[in-house]
N, C-alpha and C. Protein backbone atom coordinates (compact mmCIF):
# COMPACT_ATOMS: atom_id res chain seq x y z
N MET A 1 12.17 23.58 89.51
CA MET A 1 12.46 23.09 88.25
C MET A 1 11.89 21.67 88.02
N GLY A 2 11.31 21.57 86.77
CA GLY A 2 10.70 20.19 86.41
C GLY A 2 11.76 19.28 85.75
N GLN A 3 11.22 18.21 85.26
CA GLN A 3 12.01 17.29 84.49
C GLN A 3 12.31 17.87 83.07
N THR A 4 13.50 17.71 82.51
CA THR A 4 13.73 18.33 81.23
C THR A 4 13.29 17.51 80.00
N VAL A 5 12.64 18.15 79.09
CA VAL A 5 12.17 17.60 77.95
C VAL A 5 12.84 18.21 76.73
N ILE A 6 13.26 17.40 75.79
CA ILE A 6 13.86 17.85 74.56
C ILE A 6 12.76 17.82 73.46
N LEU A 7 12.60 18.90 72.72
CA LEU A 7 11.56 18.91 71.64
C LEU A 7 12.18 19.41 70.42
N GLY A 8 11.69 18.92 69.20
CA GLY A 8 12.23 19.40 67.98
C GLY A 8 11.56 18.72 66.87
N VAL A 9 11.74 19.40 65.67
CA VAL A 9 11.26 18.82 64.37
C VAL A 9 12.44 18.31 63.69
N ILE A 10 12.41 17.00 63.27
CA ILE A 10 13.55 16.25 62.79
C ILE A 10 13.74 16.45 61.31
N GLY A 11 14.95 16.38 60.79
CA GLY A 11 15.17 16.34 59.41
C GLY A 11 15.08 17.71 58.69
N SER A 12 14.49 17.70 57.45
CA SER A 12 14.40 18.93 56.77
C SER A 12 13.04 19.50 56.94
N ASP A 13 12.21 18.91 57.83
CA ASP A 13 10.91 19.50 58.06
C ASP A 13 10.97 20.80 58.77
N ALA A 14 10.12 21.82 58.31
CA ALA A 14 10.11 23.16 58.85
C ALA A 14 8.78 23.59 59.46
N HIS A 15 7.97 22.55 59.88
CA HIS A 15 6.68 22.88 60.50
C HIS A 15 6.90 23.19 61.87
N VAL A 16 6.60 24.43 62.28
CA VAL A 16 6.94 24.88 63.71
C VAL A 16 5.73 25.02 64.60
N VAL A 17 4.59 25.16 64.06
CA VAL A 17 3.40 25.42 64.96
C VAL A 17 3.21 24.37 66.06
N GLY A 18 3.21 23.04 65.72
CA GLY A 18 2.99 22.06 66.65
C GLY A 18 3.90 21.96 67.81
N ILE A 19 5.18 22.25 67.55
CA ILE A 19 6.16 22.18 68.59
C ILE A 19 6.13 23.43 69.50
N THR A 20 5.66 24.52 68.84
CA THR A 20 5.45 25.83 69.64
C THR A 20 4.34 25.58 70.73
N ILE A 21 3.31 24.93 70.22
CA ILE A 21 2.15 24.65 71.12
C ILE A 21 2.55 23.72 72.23
N LEU A 22 3.31 22.61 71.80
CA LEU A 22 3.80 21.65 72.69
C LEU A 22 4.68 22.31 73.80
N GLU A 23 5.63 23.14 73.33
CA GLU A 23 6.52 23.85 74.21
C GLU A 23 5.66 24.67 75.26
N GLN A 24 4.66 25.35 74.87
CA GLN A 24 3.95 26.23 75.76
C GLN A 24 3.15 25.32 76.77
N ALA A 25 2.66 24.27 76.22
CA ALA A 25 1.81 23.34 77.23
C ALA A 25 2.64 22.64 78.20
N LEU A 26 3.82 22.14 77.81
CA LEU A 26 4.76 21.48 78.64
C LEU A 26 5.36 22.42 79.65
N THR A 27 5.70 23.59 79.24
CA THR A 27 6.24 24.63 80.18
C THR A 27 5.09 25.04 81.24
N ALA A 28 3.87 25.17 80.77
CA ALA A 28 2.80 25.43 81.78
C ALA A 28 2.55 24.28 82.72
N ALA A 29 2.86 23.04 82.26
CA ALA A 29 2.74 21.87 83.14
C ALA A 29 3.85 21.69 84.13
N GLY A 30 4.93 22.57 83.98
CA GLY A 30 6.02 22.47 84.98
C GLY A 30 7.27 21.77 84.40
N PHE A 31 7.29 21.47 83.06
CA PHE A 31 8.49 20.79 82.60
C PHE A 31 9.52 21.87 82.12
N ASP A 32 10.79 21.61 82.19
CA ASP A 32 11.81 22.44 81.60
C ASP A 32 11.95 21.93 80.16
N VAL A 33 11.67 22.80 79.16
CA VAL A 33 11.75 22.41 77.80
C VAL A 33 12.92 23.11 77.04
N GLU A 34 13.57 22.17 76.26
CA GLU A 34 14.61 22.62 75.47
C GLU A 34 14.17 22.42 73.96
N ASN A 35 13.70 23.52 73.51
CA ASN A 35 13.08 23.47 72.06
C ASN A 35 14.22 23.64 71.06
N LEU A 36 14.49 22.60 70.29
CA LEU A 36 15.53 22.73 69.33
C LEU A 36 15.11 23.34 68.04
N GLY A 37 13.83 23.53 67.80
CA GLY A 37 13.29 24.19 66.67
C GLY A 37 13.14 23.21 65.53
N VAL A 38 13.12 23.83 64.41
CA VAL A 38 12.87 22.98 63.15
C VAL A 38 14.13 22.57 62.51
N GLN A 39 14.12 21.68 61.56
CA GLN A 39 15.16 21.15 60.72
C GLN A 39 16.30 20.75 61.70
N THR A 40 15.98 19.92 62.72
CA THR A 40 16.84 19.42 63.65
C THR A 40 17.57 18.07 63.19
N ALA A 41 18.85 18.04 63.35
CA ALA A 41 19.58 16.76 63.03
C ALA A 41 19.47 15.80 64.21
N LYS A 42 19.59 14.48 63.91
CA LYS A 42 19.68 13.54 65.02
C LYS A 42 20.74 13.89 66.09
N ALA A 43 21.92 14.27 65.54
CA ALA A 43 22.96 14.54 66.52
C ALA A 43 22.63 15.64 67.49
N GLU A 44 21.84 16.63 67.02
CA GLU A 44 21.38 17.75 67.90
C GLU A 44 20.45 17.12 68.98
N PHE A 45 19.49 16.27 68.66
CA PHE A 45 18.74 15.72 69.64
C PHE A 45 19.55 14.91 70.65
N VAL A 46 20.45 14.17 70.20
CA VAL A 46 21.24 13.39 71.10
C VAL A 46 22.13 14.28 71.95
N SER A 47 22.75 15.23 71.43
CA SER A 47 23.61 16.14 72.27
C SER A 47 22.76 16.82 73.35
N ALA A 48 21.61 17.36 72.92
CA ALA A 48 20.85 17.99 73.94
C ALA A 48 20.24 17.12 75.04
N ALA A 49 19.85 15.86 74.63
CA ALA A 49 19.32 14.88 75.58
C ALA A 49 20.44 14.48 76.54
N ALA A 50 21.64 14.26 76.06
CA ALA A 50 22.71 13.91 76.96
C ALA A 50 23.12 15.07 77.86
N ALA A 51 23.20 16.20 77.26
CA ALA A 51 23.71 17.46 78.14
C ALA A 51 22.67 17.80 79.25
N GLU A 52 21.36 17.61 78.89
CA GLU A 52 20.33 17.99 79.86
C GLU A 52 19.88 16.86 80.82
N ASP A 53 20.44 15.61 80.60
CA ASP A 53 20.00 14.41 81.22
C ASP A 53 18.44 14.38 81.12
N ALA A 54 17.92 14.44 79.86
CA ALA A 54 16.52 14.58 79.62
C ALA A 54 15.75 13.38 80.07
N GLY A 55 14.50 13.58 80.50
CA GLY A 55 13.66 12.59 80.83
C GLY A 55 12.90 12.05 79.62
N ALA A 56 12.77 12.98 78.59
CA ALA A 56 11.95 12.60 77.42
C ALA A 56 12.53 13.39 76.22
N VAL A 57 12.43 12.75 75.02
CA VAL A 57 12.71 13.36 73.84
C VAL A 57 11.57 13.21 72.92
N LEU A 58 11.00 14.42 72.46
CA LEU A 58 9.81 14.54 71.66
C LEU A 58 10.21 14.85 70.31
N VAL A 59 9.91 14.09 69.29
CA VAL A 59 10.26 14.34 67.86
C VAL A 59 9.00 14.50 67.16
N SER A 60 8.95 15.62 66.36
CA SER A 60 7.89 15.96 65.48
C SER A 60 8.24 15.83 64.11
N SER A 61 7.42 15.43 63.24
CA SER A 61 7.60 15.32 61.75
C SER A 61 6.21 15.38 61.02
N LEU A 62 6.13 16.33 60.22
CA LEU A 62 4.88 16.46 59.45
C LEU A 62 5.00 16.36 58.03
N TYR A 63 6.14 16.20 57.50
CA TYR A 63 6.32 16.21 56.07
C TYR A 63 6.46 14.77 55.47
N GLY A 64 6.19 13.74 56.30
CA GLY A 64 6.03 12.37 55.76
C GLY A 64 7.23 11.57 55.66
N HIS A 65 8.42 12.06 56.04
CA HIS A 65 9.70 11.28 55.85
C HIS A 65 10.40 10.95 57.14
N ALA A 66 9.60 10.74 58.21
CA ALA A 66 10.25 10.51 59.58
C ALA A 66 10.95 9.21 59.63
N ARG A 67 10.52 8.26 58.93
CA ARG A 67 11.24 6.97 59.06
C ARG A 67 12.66 7.16 58.65
N GLN A 68 12.85 7.79 57.43
CA GLN A 68 14.24 8.03 56.95
C GLN A 68 15.02 8.91 57.93
N ASP A 69 14.35 9.92 58.46
CA ASP A 69 15.08 10.91 59.31
C ASP A 69 15.40 10.27 60.65
N CYS A 70 14.66 9.34 61.11
CA CYS A 70 14.81 8.84 62.53
C CYS A 70 15.70 7.52 62.57
N GLN A 71 16.07 6.98 61.41
CA GLN A 71 16.89 5.79 61.48
C GLN A 71 18.29 6.01 62.18
N GLY A 72 18.53 5.23 63.13
CA GLY A 72 19.76 5.42 63.89
C GLY A 72 19.65 6.38 65.09
N LEU A 73 18.60 7.05 65.31
CA LEU A 73 18.52 7.92 66.39
C LEU A 73 18.67 7.19 67.71
N HIS A 74 17.90 6.05 67.95
CA HIS A 74 17.95 5.43 69.15
C HIS A 74 19.30 4.73 69.50
N GLU A 75 20.00 4.22 68.41
CA GLU A 75 21.38 3.78 68.51
C GLU A 75 22.25 4.88 69.05
N ARG A 76 22.13 6.13 68.55
CA ARG A 76 22.96 7.24 68.99
C ARG A 76 22.58 7.65 70.48
N LEU A 77 21.33 7.58 70.77
CA LEU A 77 20.97 7.85 72.12
C LEU A 77 21.56 6.90 73.09
N ALA A 78 21.53 5.61 72.70
CA ALA A 78 22.11 4.55 73.54
C ALA A 78 23.59 4.81 73.72
N GLU A 79 24.26 5.13 72.60
CA GLU A 79 25.78 5.36 72.68
C GLU A 79 26.06 6.55 73.67
N ALA A 80 25.22 7.49 73.73
CA ALA A 80 25.30 8.73 74.62
C ALA A 80 24.91 8.40 76.00
N ASP A 81 24.47 7.04 76.22
CA ASP A 81 23.98 6.69 77.59
C ASP A 81 22.74 7.50 77.98
N CYS A 82 21.92 7.77 77.02
CA CYS A 82 20.66 8.44 77.35
C CYS A 82 19.55 7.50 77.33
N ASP A 83 18.78 7.40 78.40
CA ASP A 83 17.61 6.47 78.52
C ASP A 83 16.28 7.18 78.54
N ALA A 84 16.23 8.40 77.90
CA ALA A 84 15.04 9.13 77.98
C ALA A 84 13.91 8.33 77.07
N VAL A 85 12.66 8.60 77.64
CA VAL A 85 11.51 8.01 76.93
C VAL A 85 11.32 8.84 75.62
N THR A 86 11.16 8.24 74.52
CA THR A 86 11.03 8.85 73.26
C THR A 86 9.68 8.82 72.67
N TYR A 87 9.27 9.98 72.17
CA TYR A 87 7.97 10.12 71.53
C TYR A 87 8.20 10.62 70.18
N ILE A 88 7.23 10.19 69.28
CA ILE A 88 7.30 10.84 67.92
C ILE A 88 5.74 11.01 67.50
N GLY A 89 5.55 12.11 66.80
CA GLY A 89 4.19 12.43 66.46
C GLY A 89 4.17 13.28 65.14
N GLY A 90 3.04 13.15 64.47
CA GLY A 90 2.81 13.92 63.34
C GLY A 90 2.29 13.17 62.11
N ASN A 91 2.53 13.70 60.88
CA ASN A 91 2.20 12.85 59.68
C ASN A 91 3.50 12.15 59.35
N LEU A 92 3.68 10.96 59.78
CA LEU A 92 4.96 10.31 59.89
C LEU A 92 5.34 9.68 58.52
N ALA A 93 4.29 9.34 57.78
CA ALA A 93 4.62 8.63 56.42
C ALA A 93 3.80 9.16 55.32
N VAL A 94 4.44 9.32 54.16
CA VAL A 94 3.68 9.85 53.01
C VAL A 94 2.77 8.66 52.56
N GLY A 95 1.48 9.00 52.40
CA GLY A 95 0.45 8.00 52.09
C GLY A 95 0.21 7.16 53.30
N GLN A 96 0.22 7.70 54.41
CA GLN A 96 0.04 6.76 55.69
C GLN A 96 -1.46 6.32 55.73
N ASN A 97 -1.61 5.15 55.14
CA ASN A 97 -3.04 4.60 55.07
C ASN A 97 -3.26 3.51 56.16
N ASP A 98 -2.21 2.85 56.63
CA ASP A 98 -2.41 1.86 57.63
C ASP A 98 -1.70 2.32 58.88
N TRP A 99 -2.48 2.86 59.82
CA TRP A 99 -1.79 3.38 61.10
C TRP A 99 -1.11 2.30 61.86
N THR A 100 -1.70 1.20 61.89
CA THR A 100 -1.19 0.10 62.68
C THR A 100 0.26 -0.21 62.15
N GLU A 101 0.47 -0.31 60.86
CA GLU A 101 1.75 -0.55 60.28
C GLU A 101 2.70 0.62 60.56
N THR A 102 2.19 1.78 60.39
CA THR A 102 3.13 2.96 60.67
C THR A 102 3.52 2.97 62.14
N GLU A 103 2.62 2.69 63.06
CA GLU A 103 2.94 2.64 64.46
C GLU A 103 4.04 1.59 64.66
N ARG A 104 3.83 0.39 64.11
CA ARG A 104 4.71 -0.73 64.29
C ARG A 104 6.22 -0.37 63.78
N THR A 105 6.20 0.38 62.64
CA THR A 105 7.54 0.74 62.04
C THR A 105 8.28 1.64 63.08
N PHE A 106 7.58 2.53 63.66
CA PHE A 106 8.31 3.53 64.63
C PHE A 106 8.69 2.91 65.98
N ARG A 107 7.80 1.81 66.31
CA ARG A 107 8.12 1.14 67.56
C ARG A 107 9.44 0.33 67.33
N LYS A 108 9.67 -0.28 66.05
CA LYS A 108 10.77 -1.01 65.72
C LYS A 108 12.03 -0.18 65.68
N LEU A 109 11.78 1.15 65.32
CA LEU A 109 12.92 2.04 65.36
C LEU A 109 13.30 2.45 66.78
N GLY A 110 12.45 2.14 67.74
CA GLY A 110 12.83 2.34 69.15
C GLY A 110 11.99 3.36 69.83
N PHE A 111 11.05 3.87 69.22
CA PHE A 111 10.20 4.87 69.90
C PHE A 111 9.24 4.20 70.90
N ASP A 112 9.15 4.84 72.10
CA ASP A 112 8.28 4.35 73.27
C ASP A 112 6.82 4.74 73.01
N ARG A 113 6.54 5.91 72.39
CA ARG A 113 5.28 6.36 72.23
C ARG A 113 5.15 6.90 70.74
N VAL A 114 4.10 6.55 70.03
CA VAL A 114 3.99 6.99 68.64
C VAL A 114 2.48 7.53 68.39
N PHE A 115 2.51 8.72 67.81
CA PHE A 115 1.19 9.36 67.73
C PHE A 115 1.09 9.86 66.23
N ASP A 116 -0.14 9.73 65.66
CA ASP A 116 -0.33 10.31 64.35
C ASP A 116 -0.92 11.63 64.56
N ALA A 117 -1.23 12.31 63.45
CA ALA A 117 -1.66 13.75 63.38
C ALA A 117 -3.03 13.83 64.13
N ASP A 118 -3.72 12.76 64.16
CA ASP A 118 -5.13 12.70 64.73
C ASP A 118 -5.19 12.31 66.10
N SER A 119 -4.05 11.85 66.73
CA SER A 119 -4.07 11.38 68.11
C SER A 119 -4.50 12.51 69.17
N VAL A 120 -5.34 12.03 70.07
CA VAL A 120 -5.72 13.01 71.08
C VAL A 120 -5.92 12.12 72.51
N ASN A 121 -5.20 12.57 73.45
CA ASN A 121 -5.19 11.97 74.78
C ASN A 121 -5.11 10.42 74.76
N THR A 122 -4.18 9.85 73.96
CA THR A 122 -3.96 8.43 73.92
C THR A 122 -2.62 8.05 74.49
């Protein structure tokens, strides 16, 4: 058994292809993956991360409203005594013109790693 990774699409977003590919790749790499699917509430991420003692929480968002959906997520993870590394990726902001500013926004929200839709091996 490998380290457990929690994976899901946050908020009202229903884009499933990306997390399906991530689930397959992470499983092939030896991780235990708990795929929460699409339209996942913050509370579901926190509950799964705490229950599985997850090493990482991967949040996907492609519909551009990730900032609103993710507010308070890290505070809830801390309250649950979950110290997983957190990742977010996708089309994180509507009209995302300044990637540096978008990345800064999600770092301030508490994410350890931030990726846009064009990120590859960074």
